[in-house]
PDB file of all heavy atoms in Angstrom:
ATOM      1  N   GLN A   1      -3.812   2.675  -8.128  1.00  0.00           N
ATOM      2  CA  GLN A   1      -3.800   3.761  -7.134  1.00  0.00           C
ATOM      3  C   GLN A   1      -2.659   3.616  -6.157  1.00  0.00           C
ATOM      4  O   GLN A   1      -2.031   4.582  -5.704  1.00  0.00           O
ATOM      5  CB  GLN A   1      -5.148   3.828  -6.388  1.00  0.00           C
ATOM      6  CG  GLN A   1      -6.310   4.268  -7.241  1.00  0.00           C
ATOM      7  CD  GLN A   1      -6.099   5.685  -7.723  1.00  0.00           C
ATOM      8  OE1 GLN A   1      -5.664   6.584  -7.050  1.00  0.00           O
ATOM      9  NE2 GLN A   1      -6.423   5.871  -9.049  1.00  0.00           N
ATOM     10  N   ALA A   2      -2.357   2.348  -5.786  1.00  0.00           N
ATOM     11  CA  ALA A   2      -1.273   2.144  -4.825  1.00  0.00           C
ATOM     12  C   ALA A   2       0.077   2.556  -5.439  1.00  0.00           C
ATOM     13  O   ALA A   2       0.952   3.152  -4.794  1.00  0.00           O
ATOM     14  CB  ALA A   2      -1.245   0.641  -4.458  1.00  0.00           C
ATOM     15  N   VAL A   3       0.238   2.217  -6.757  1.00  0.00           N
ATOM     16  CA  VAL A   3       1.467   2.628  -7.459  1.00  0.00           C
ATOM     17  C   VAL A   3       1.615   4.136  -7.495  1.00  0.00           C
ATOM     18  O   VAL A   3       2.651   4.733  -7.343  1.00  0.00           O
ATOM     19  CB  VAL A   3       1.519   1.985  -8.893  1.00  0.00           C
ATOM     20  CG1 VAL A   3       2.652   2.572  -9.632  1.00  0.00           C
ATOM     21  CG2 VAL A   3       1.663   0.506  -8.784  1.00  0.00           C
ATOM     22  N   LEU A   4       0.440   4.816  -7.817  1.00  0.00           N
ATOM     23  CA  LEU A   4       0.500   6.304  -7.924  1.00  0.00           C
ATOM     24  C   LEU A   4       0.927   6.931  -6.616  1.00  0.00           C
ATOM     25  O   LEU A   4       1.617   7.947  -6.561  1.00  0.00           O
ATOM     26  CB  LEU A   4      -0.885   6.780  -8.334  1.00  0.00           C
ATOM     27  CG  LEU A   4      -1.295   6.560  -9.796  1.00  0.00           C
ATOM     28  CD1 LEU A   4      -2.707   7.062 -10.001  1.00  0.00           C
ATOM     29  CD2 LEU A   4      -0.365   7.313 -10.739  1.00  0.00           C
ATOM     30  N   LYS A   5       0.501   6.319  -5.495  1.00  0.00           N
ATOM     31  CA  LYS A   5       0.839   6.874  -4.157  1.00  0.00           C
ATOM     32  C   LYS A   5       2.291   6.682  -3.853  1.00  0.00           C
ATOM     33  O   LYS A   5       2.967   7.542  -3.174  1.00  0.00           O
ATOM     34  CB  LYS A   5       0.012   6.233  -3.105  1.00  0.00           C
ATOM     35  CG  LYS A   5      -1.491   6.636  -3.110  1.00  0.00           C
ATOM     36  CD  LYS A   5      -2.241   5.875  -2.101  1.00  0.00           C
ATOM     37  CE  LYS A   5      -3.752   6.240  -2.145  1.00  0.00           C
ATOM     38  NZ  LYS A   5      -4.556   5.489  -1.115  1.00  0.00           N
ATOM     39  N   ILE A   6       2.900   5.602  -4.345  1.00  0.00           N
ATOM     40  CA  ILE A   6       4.256   5.254  -4.004  1.00  0.00           C
ATOM     41  C   ILE A   6       5.284   5.942  -4.960  1.00  0.00           C
ATOM     42  O   ILE A   6       6.402   6.285  -4.477  1.00  0.00           O
ATOM     43  CB  ILE A   6       4.480   3.746  -4.040  1.00  0.00           C
ATOM     44  CG1 ILE A   6       3.736   3.072  -2.845  1.00  0.00           C
ATOM     45  CG2 ILE A   6       5.903   3.312  -4.067  1.00  0.00           C
ATOM     46  CD1 ILE A   6       3.774   1.604  -2.875  1.00  0.00           C
ATOM     47  N   GLU A   7       4.928   6.121  -6.210  1.00  0.00           N
ATOM     48  CA  GLU A   7       5.928   6.577  -7.169  1.00  0.00           C
ATOM     49  C   GLU A   7       6.135   8.108  -7.180  1.00  0.00           C
ATOM     50  O   GLU A   7       6.935   8.610  -7.952  1.00  0.00           O
ATOM     51  CB  GLU A   7       5.474   6.157  -8.573  1.00  0.00           C
ATOM     52  CG  GLU A   7       4.266   6.855  -9.047  1.00  0.00           C
ATOM     53  CD  GLU A   7       4.204   7.059 -10.542  1.00  0.00           C
ATOM     54  OE1 GLU A   7       5.030   6.437 -11.254  1.00  0.00           O
ATOM     55  OE2 GLU A   7       3.349   7.801 -11.009  1.00  0.00           O
ATOM     56  N   GLY A   8       5.504   8.810  -6.286  1.00  0.00           N
ATOM     57  CA  GLY A   8       5.721  10.293  -6.212  1.00  0.00           C
ATOM     58  C   GLY A   8       7.140  10.621  -6.024  1.00  0.00           C
ATOM     59  O   GLY A   8       7.939   9.944  -5.295  1.00  0.00           O
ATOM     60  N   GLN A   9       7.572  11.738  -6.552  1.00  0.00           N
ATOM     61  CA  GLN A   9       8.980  12.134  -6.567  1.00  0.00           C
ATOM     62  C   GLN A   9       9.546  12.312  -5.187  1.00  0.00           C
ATOM     63  O   GLN A   9      10.654  11.972  -4.858  1.00  0.00           O
ATOM     64  CB  GLN A   9       9.198  13.439  -7.391  1.00  0.00           C
ATOM     65  CG  GLN A   9      10.601  13.839  -7.639  1.00  0.00           C
ATOM     66  CD  GLN A   9      11.279  13.135  -8.784  1.00  0.00           C
ATOM     67  OE1 GLN A   9      10.689  12.149  -9.315  1.00  0.00           O
ATOM     68  NE2 GLN A   9      12.379  13.645  -9.232  1.00  0.00           N
ATOM     69  N   ASN A  10       8.709  12.856  -4.272  1.00  0.00           N
ATOM     70  CA  ASN A  10       9.136  13.203  -2.944  1.00  0.00           C
ATOM     71  C   ASN A  10       8.648  12.281  -1.904  1.00  0.00           C
ATOM     72  O   ASN A  10       8.784  12.542  -0.687  1.00  0.00           O
ATOM     73  CB  ASN A  10       8.734  14.669  -2.599  1.00  0.00           C
ATOM     74  CG  ASN A  10       9.448  15.686  -3.445  1.00  0.00           C
ATOM     75  OD1 ASN A  10      10.375  15.387  -4.150  1.00  0.00           O
ATOM     76  ND2 ASN A  10       9.007  16.944  -3.397  1.00  0.00           N
ATOM     77  N   VAL A  11       7.999  11.174  -2.283  1.00  0.00           N
ATOM     78  CA  VAL A  11       7.489  10.175  -1.266  1.00  0.00           C
ATOM     79  C   VAL A  11       8.648   9.568  -0.601  1.00  0.00           C
ATOM     80  O   VAL A  11       9.669   9.154  -1.241  1.00  0.00           O
ATOM     81  CB  VAL A  11       6.606   9.156  -1.955  1.00  0.00           C
ATOM     82  CG1 VAL A  11       6.226   8.053  -0.988  1.00  0.00           C
ATOM     83  CG2 VAL A  11       5.362   9.821  -2.551  1.00  0.00           C
ATOM     84  N   SER A  12       8.591   9.428   0.782  1.00  0.00           N
ATOM     85  CA  SER A  12       9.696   8.830   1.516  1.00  0.00           C
ATOM     86  C   SER A  12       9.545   7.320   1.613  1.00  0.00           C
ATOM     87  O   SER A  12       8.464   6.787   1.334  1.00  0.00           O
ATOM     88  CB  SER A  12       9.777   9.464   2.911  1.00  0.00           C
ATOM     89  OG  SER A  12       8.677   9.072   3.662  1.00  0.00           O
ATOM     90  N   ALA A  13      10.595   6.661   2.008  1.00  0.00           N
ATOM     91  CA  ALA A  13      10.514   5.208   2.213  1.00  0.00           C
ATOM     92  C   ALA A  13       9.542   4.809   3.297  1.00  0.00           C
ATOM     93  O   ALA A  13       8.923   3.754   3.218  1.00  0.00           O
ATOM     94  CB  ALA A  13      11.923   4.667   2.526  1.00  0.00           C
ATOM     95  N   ILE A  14       9.384   5.665   4.267  1.00  0.00           N
ATOM     96  CA  ILE A  14       8.514   5.405   5.402  1.00  0.00           C
ATOM     97  C   ILE A  14       7.028   5.389   4.869  1.00  0.00           C
ATOM     98  O   ILE A  14       6.248   4.513   5.173  1.00  0.00           O
ATOM     99  CB  ILE A  14       8.614   6.396   6.546  1.00  0.00           C
ATOM    100  CG1 ILE A  14      10.059   6.758   6.852  1.00  0.00           C
ATOM    101  CG2 ILE A  14       7.970   5.894   7.806  1.00  0.00           C
ATOM    102  CD1 ILE A  14      11.048   5.662   7.015  1.00  0.00           C
ATOM    103  N   GLU A  15       6.708   6.455   4.081  1.00  0.00           N
ATOM    104  CA  GLU A  15       5.329   6.508   3.514  1.00  0.00           C
ATOM    105  C   GLU A  15       5.122   5.392   2.594  1.00  0.00           C
ATOM    106  O   GLU A  15       3.977   4.783   2.546  1.00  0.00           O
ATOM    107  CB  GLU A  15       5.194   7.826   2.802  1.00  0.00           C
ATOM    108  CG  GLU A  15       5.257   9.083   3.698  1.00  0.00           C
ATOM    109  CD  GLU A  15       5.345  10.386   2.970  1.00  0.00           C
ATOM    110  OE1 GLU A  15       6.239  10.450   2.063  1.00  0.00           O
ATOM    111  OE2 GLU A  15       4.600  11.281   3.227  1.00  0.00           O
ATOM    112  N   SER A  16       6.119   4.973   1.781  1.00  0.00           N
ATOM    113  CA  SER A  16       5.917   3.847   0.854  1.00  0.00           C
ATOM    114  C   SER A  16       5.664   2.573   1.621  1.00  0.00           C
ATOM    115  O   SER A  16       4.804   1.781   1.239  1.00  0.00           O
ATOM    116  CB  SER A  16       7.168   3.758  -0.043  1.00  0.00           C
ATOM    117  OG  SER A  16       7.097   2.586  -0.866  1.00  0.00           O
ATOM    118  N   ALA A  17       6.433   2.341   2.710  1.00  0.00           N
ATOM    119  CA  ALA A  17       6.279   1.087   3.464  1.00  0.00           C
ATOM    120  C   ALA A  17       4.952   1.045   4.093  1.00  0.00           C
ATOM    121  O   ALA A  17       4.287  -0.005   4.158  1.00  0.00           O
ATOM    122  CB  ALA A  17       7.384   1.041   4.574  1.00  0.00           C
ATOM    123  N   ASN A  18       4.410   2.217   4.628  1.00  0.00           N
ATOM    124  CA  ASN A  18       3.125   2.255   5.228  1.00  0.00           C
ATOM    125  C   ASN A  18       2.032   1.939   4.230  1.00  0.00           C
ATOM    126  O   ASN A  18       1.053   1.189   4.505  1.00  0.00           O
ATOM    127  CB  ASN A  18       2.826   3.644   5.832  1.00  0.00           C
ATOM    128  CG  ASN A  18       3.596   3.835   7.124  1.00  0.00           C
ATOM    129  OD1 ASN A  18       4.085   2.890   7.758  1.00  0.00           O
ATOM    130  ND2 ASN A  18       3.842   5.063   7.506  1.00  0.00           N
ATOM    131  N   GLU A  19       2.134   2.474   2.989  1.00  0.00           N
ATOM    132  CA  GLU A  19       1.164   2.240   1.953  1.00  0.00           C
ATOM    133  C   GLU A  19       1.158   0.762   1.531  1.00  0.00           C
ATOM    134  O   GLU A  19       0.097   0.144   1.369  1.00  0.00           O
ATOM    135  CB  GLU A  19       1.487   3.101   0.756  1.00  0.00           C
ATOM    136  CG  GLU A  19       0.487   2.993  -0.415  1.00  0.00           C
ATOM    137  CD  GLU A  19      -0.900   3.323  -0.008  1.00  0.00           C
ATOM    138  OE1 GLU A  19      -1.150   4.213   0.827  1.00  0.00           O
ATOM    139  OE2 GLU A  19      -1.870   2.612  -0.523  1.00  0.00           O
ATOM    140  N   ILE A  20       2.343   0.153   1.425  1.00  0.00           N
ATOM    141  CA  ILE A  20       2.361  -1.282   1.067  1.00  0.00           C
ATOM    142  C   ILE A  20       1.815  -2.132   2.133  1.00  0.00           C
ATOM    143  O   ILE A  20       1.098  -3.114   1.870  1.00  0.00           O
ATOM    144  CB  ILE A  20       3.880  -1.646   0.747  1.00  0.00           C
ATOM    145  CG1 ILE A  20       4.264  -0.996  -0.523  1.00  0.00           C
ATOM    146  CG2 ILE A  20       4.005  -3.215   0.624  1.00  0.00           C
ATOM    147  CD1 ILE A  20       5.747  -1.235  -0.871  1.00  0.00           C
ATOM    148  N   ASN A  21       2.055  -1.804   3.403  1.00  0.00           N
ATOM    149  CA  ASN A  21       1.554  -2.562   4.550  1.00  0.00           C
ATOM    150  C   ASN A  21      -0.011  -2.465   4.564  1.00  0.00           C
ATOM    151  O   ASN A  21      -0.715  -3.493   4.781  1.00  0.00           O
ATOM    152  CB  ASN A  21       2.131  -2.107   5.868  1.00  0.00           C
ATOM    153  CG  ASN A  21       3.539  -2.465   5.995  1.00  0.00           C
ATOM    154  OD1 ASN A  21       4.013  -3.446   5.391  1.00  0.00           O
ATOM    155  ND2 ASN A  21       4.272  -1.712   6.829  1.00  0.00           N
ATOM    156  N   ARG A  22      -0.522  -1.253   4.319  1.00  0.00           N
ATOM    157  CA  ARG A  22      -1.983  -1.111   4.308  1.00  0.00           C
ATOM    158  C   ARG A  22      -2.580  -1.895   3.128  1.00  0.00           C
ATOM    159  O   ARG A  22      -3.657  -2.508   3.295  1.00  0.00           O
ATOM    160  CB  ARG A  22      -2.370   0.392   4.158  1.00  0.00           C
ATOM    161  CG  ARG A  22      -2.231   1.159   5.440  1.00  0.00           C
ATOM    162  CD  ARG A  22      -2.945   2.532   5.322  1.00  0.00           C
ATOM    163  NE  ARG A  22      -2.308   3.386   4.340  1.00  0.00           N
ATOM    164  CZ  ARG A  22      -1.323   4.255   4.637  1.00  0.00           C
ATOM    165  NH1 ARG A  22      -0.913   4.382   5.856  1.00  0.00           N
ATOM    166  NH2 ARG A  22      -0.786   5.012   3.660  1.00  0.00           N
ATOM    167  N   PHE A  23      -1.887  -1.832   2.009  1.00  0.00           N
ATOM    168  CA  PHE A  23      -2.405  -2.523   0.850  1.00  0.00           C
ATOM    169  C   PHE A  23      -2.356  -4.025   1.053  1.00  0.00           C
ATOM    170  O   PHE A  23      -3.370  -4.781   0.675  1.00  0.00           O
ATOM    171  CB  PHE A  23      -1.574  -2.142  -0.361  1.00  0.00           C
ATOM    172  CG  PHE A  23      -2.025  -2.641  -1.707  1.00  0.00           C
ATOM    173  CD1 PHE A  23      -3.254  -2.363  -2.103  1.00  0.00           C
ATOM    174  CD2 PHE A  23      -1.252  -3.456  -2.499  1.00  0.00           C
ATOM    175  CE1 PHE A  23      -3.743  -2.736  -3.369  1.00  0.00           C
ATOM    176  CE2 PHE A  23      -1.644  -3.925  -3.680  1.00  0.00           C
ATOM    177  CZ  PHE A  23      -2.961  -3.560  -4.123  1.00  0.00           C
ATOM    178  N   ARG A  24      -1.289  -4.573   1.636  1.00  0.00           N
ATOM    179  CA  ARG A  24      -1.256  -5.980   1.911  1.00  0.00           C
ATOM    180  C   ARG A  24      -2.311  -6.384   2.910  1.00  0.00           C
ATOM    181  O   ARG A  24      -2.908  -7.461   2.742  1.00  0.00           O
ATOM    182  CB  ARG A  24       0.168  -6.226   2.514  1.00  0.00           C
ATOM    183  CG  ARG A  24       0.469  -7.700   2.681  1.00  0.00           C
ATOM    184  CD  ARG A  24       1.884  -7.936   3.127  1.00  0.00           C
ATOM    185  NE  ARG A  24       2.163  -7.220   4.405  1.00  0.00           N
ATOM    186  CZ  ARG A  24       3.333  -6.980   4.849  1.00  0.00           C
ATOM    187  NH1 ARG A  24       4.423  -7.421   4.246  1.00  0.00           N
ATOM    188  NH2 ARG A  24       3.518  -6.324   6.039  1.00  0.00           N
ATOM    189  N   TYR A  25      -2.637  -5.575   3.930  1.00  0.00           N
ATOM    190  CA  TYR A  25      -3.653  -5.938   4.841  1.00  0.00           C
ATOM    191  C   TYR A  25      -5.032  -5.924   4.227  1.00  0.00           C
ATOM    192  O   TYR A  25      -5.861  -6.816   4.526  1.00  0.00           O
ATOM    193  CB  TYR A  25      -3.648  -4.889   5.976  1.00  0.00           C
ATOM    194  CG  TYR A  25      -4.708  -5.100   7.018  1.00  0.00           C
ATOM    195  CD1 TYR A  25      -4.717  -6.227   7.845  1.00  0.00           C
ATOM    196  CD2 TYR A  25      -5.797  -4.219   7.160  1.00  0.00           C
ATOM    197  CE1 TYR A  25      -5.725  -6.388   8.820  1.00  0.00           C
ATOM    198  CE2 TYR A  25      -6.796  -4.374   8.097  1.00  0.00           C
ATOM    199  CZ  TYR A  25      -6.760  -5.511   8.939  1.00  0.00           C
ATOM    200  OH  TYR A  25      -7.792  -5.699   9.809  1.00  0.00           O
ATOM    201  N   ASN A  26      -5.185  -4.985   3.232  1.00  0.00           N
ATOM    202  CA  ASN A  26      -6.449  -4.962   2.491  1.00  0.00           C
ATOM    203  C   ASN A  26      -6.663  -6.231   1.668  1.00  0.00           C
ATOM    204  O   ASN A  26      -7.772  -6.778   1.607  1.00  0.00           O
ATOM    205  CB  ASN A  26      -6.510  -3.745   1.544  1.00  0.00           C
ATOM    206  CG  ASN A  26      -7.737  -3.628   0.748  1.00  0.00           C
ATOM    207  OD1 ASN A  26      -7.794  -4.100  -0.358  1.00  0.00           O
ATOM    208  ND2 ASN A  26      -8.755  -2.985   1.280  1.00  0.00           N
ATOM    209  N   LEU A  27      -5.573  -6.705   1.040  1.00  0.00           N
ATOM    210  CA  LEU A  27      -5.621  -7.989   0.268  1.00  0.00           C
ATOM    211  C   LEU A  27      -5.979  -9.127   1.191  1.00  0.00           C
ATOM    212  O   LEU A  27      -6.703 -10.056   0.826  1.00  0.00           O
ATOM    213  CB  LEU A  27      -4.313  -8.152  -0.437  1.00  0.00           C
ATOM    214  CG  LEU A  27      -4.027  -7.202  -1.607  1.00  0.00           C
ATOM    215  CD1 LEU A  27      -2.593  -7.425  -2.044  1.00  0.00           C
ATOM    216  CD2 LEU A  27      -5.017  -7.397  -2.772  1.00  0.00           C
ATOM    217  N   GLU A  28      -5.399  -9.141   2.361  1.00  0.00           N
ATOM    218  CA  GLU A  28      -5.657 -10.202   3.345  1.00  0.00           C
ATOM    219  C   GLU A  28      -7.153 -10.258   3.674  1.00  0.00           C
ATOM    220  O   GLU A  28      -7.747 -11.345   3.787  1.00  0.00           O
ATOM    221  CB  GLU A  28      -4.821 -10.058   4.575  1.00  0.00           C
ATOM    222  CG  GLU A  28      -4.940 -11.165   5.577  1.00  0.00           C
ATOM    223  CD  GLU A  28      -4.024 -11.054   6.751  1.00  0.00           C
ATOM    224  OE1 GLU A  28      -3.208 -10.081   6.741  1.00  0.00           O
ATOM    225  OE2 GLU A  28      -4.107 -11.816   7.677  1.00  0.00           O
ATOM    226  N   LEU A  29      -7.706  -9.092   3.952  1.00  0.00           N
ATOM    227  CA  LEU A  29      -9.165  -9.053   4.261  1.00  0.00           C
ATOM    228  C   LEU A  29     -10.025  -9.537   3.092  1.00  0.00           C
ATOM    229  O   LEU A  29     -11.037 -10.228   3.282  1.00  0.00           O
ATOM    230  CB  LEU A  29      -9.550  -7.620   4.637  1.00  0.00           C
ATOM    231  CG  LEU A  29      -9.002  -7.001   5.965  1.00  0.00           C
ATOM    232  CD1 LEU A  29      -9.487  -5.600   6.151  1.00  0.00           C
ATOM    233  CD2 LEU A  29      -9.462  -7.914   7.167  1.00  0.00           C
ATOM    234  N   LYS A  30      -9.676  -9.193   1.914  1.00  0.00           N
ATOM    235  CA  LYS A  30     -10.382  -9.601   0.703  1.00  0.00           C
ATOM    236  C   LYS A  30     -10.313 -11.140   0.571  1.00  0.00           C
ATOM    237  O   LYS A  30     -11.228 -11.798   0.158  1.00  0.00           O
ATOM    238  CB  LYS A  30      -9.903  -8.914  -0.532  1.00  0.00           C
ATOM    239  CG  LYS A  30     -10.237  -7.439  -0.616  1.00  0.00           C
ATOM    240  CD  LYS A  30      -9.711  -6.847  -1.850  1.00  0.00           C
ATOM    241  CE  LYS A  30     -10.181  -5.345  -1.933  1.00  0.00           C
ATOM    242  NZ  LYS A  30      -9.614  -4.614  -3.145  1.00  0.00           N
ATOM    243  N   GLU A  31      -9.132 -11.627   0.865  1.00  0.00           N
ATOM    244  CA  GLU A  31      -8.960 -13.133   0.736  1.00  0.00           C
ATOM    245  C   GLU A  31      -9.821 -13.808   1.790  1.00  0.00           C
ATOM    246  O   GLU A  31     -10.447 -14.822   1.429  1.00  0.00           O
ATOM    247  CB  GLU A  31      -7.495 -13.472   0.966  1.00  0.00           C
ATOM    248  CG  GLU A  31      -7.223 -14.998   0.983  1.00  0.00           C
ATOM    249  CD  GLU A  31      -5.893 -15.326   1.512  1.00  0.00           C
ATOM    250  OE1 GLU A  31      -5.057 -14.458   1.868  1.00  0.00           O
ATOM    251  OE2 GLU A  31      -5.619 -16.564   1.593  1.00  0.00           O
ATOM    252  N   ASN A  32      -9.834 -13.314   2.952  1.00  0.00           N
ATOM    253  CA  ASN A  32     -10.607 -13.962   4.021  1.00  0.00           C
ATOM    254  C   ASN A  32     -12.153 -13.820   3.751  1.00  0.00           C
ATOM    255  O   ASN A  32     -12.914 -14.759   4.055  1.00  0.00           O
ATOM    256  CB  ASN A  32     -10.299 -13.309   5.431  1.00  0.00           C
ATOM    257  CG  ASN A  32      -8.907 -13.582   5.867  1.00  0.00           C
ATOM    258  OD1 ASN A  32      -8.302 -14.601   5.404  1.00  0.00           O
ATOM    259  ND2 ASN A  32      -8.342 -12.754   6.648  1.00  0.00           N
ATOM    260  N   SER A  33     -12.511 -12.668   3.146  1.00  0.00           N
ATOM    261  CA  SER A  33     -13.957 -12.509   2.879  1.00  0.00           C
ATOM    262  C   SER A  33     -14.379 -13.003   1.512  1.00  0.00           C
ATOM    263  O   SER A  33     -15.535 -12.992   1.121  1.00  0.00           O
ATOM    264  CB  SER A  33     -14.281 -11.001   2.913  1.00  0.00           C
ATOM    265  OG  SER A  33     -13.911 -10.465   4.204  1.00  0.00           O
ATOM    266  N   ILE A  34     -13.386 -13.469   0.738  1.00  0.00           N
ATOM    267  CA  ILE A  34     -13.602 -13.919  -0.715  1.00  0.00           C
ATOM    268  C   ILE A  34     -14.386 -12.800  -1.390  1.00  0.00           C
ATOM    269  O   ILE A  34     -15.500 -13.023  -1.944  1.00  0.00           O
ATOM    270  CB  ILE A  34     -14.278 -15.265  -0.797  1.00  0.00           C
ATOM    271  CG1 ILE A  34     -13.688 -16.275   0.183  1.00  0.00           C
ATOM    272  CG2 ILE A  34     -14.240 -15.800  -2.210  1.00  0.00           C
ATOM    273  CD1 ILE A  34     -14.282 -17.622   0.110  1.00  0.00           C
TER     274      ILE A  34
END
C-alpha cells in the first residue's frame, strides 16, 4: 500500500516524503510494541 501511494504519476516529492516518514514511524511503533 505504501508503494501504491508513492508511485502515482502525479505524486509530488513532498507527498512521497510524508508517506515514507509516516510509514517509518509506524514501523518504529511496531518494533517497540513487538
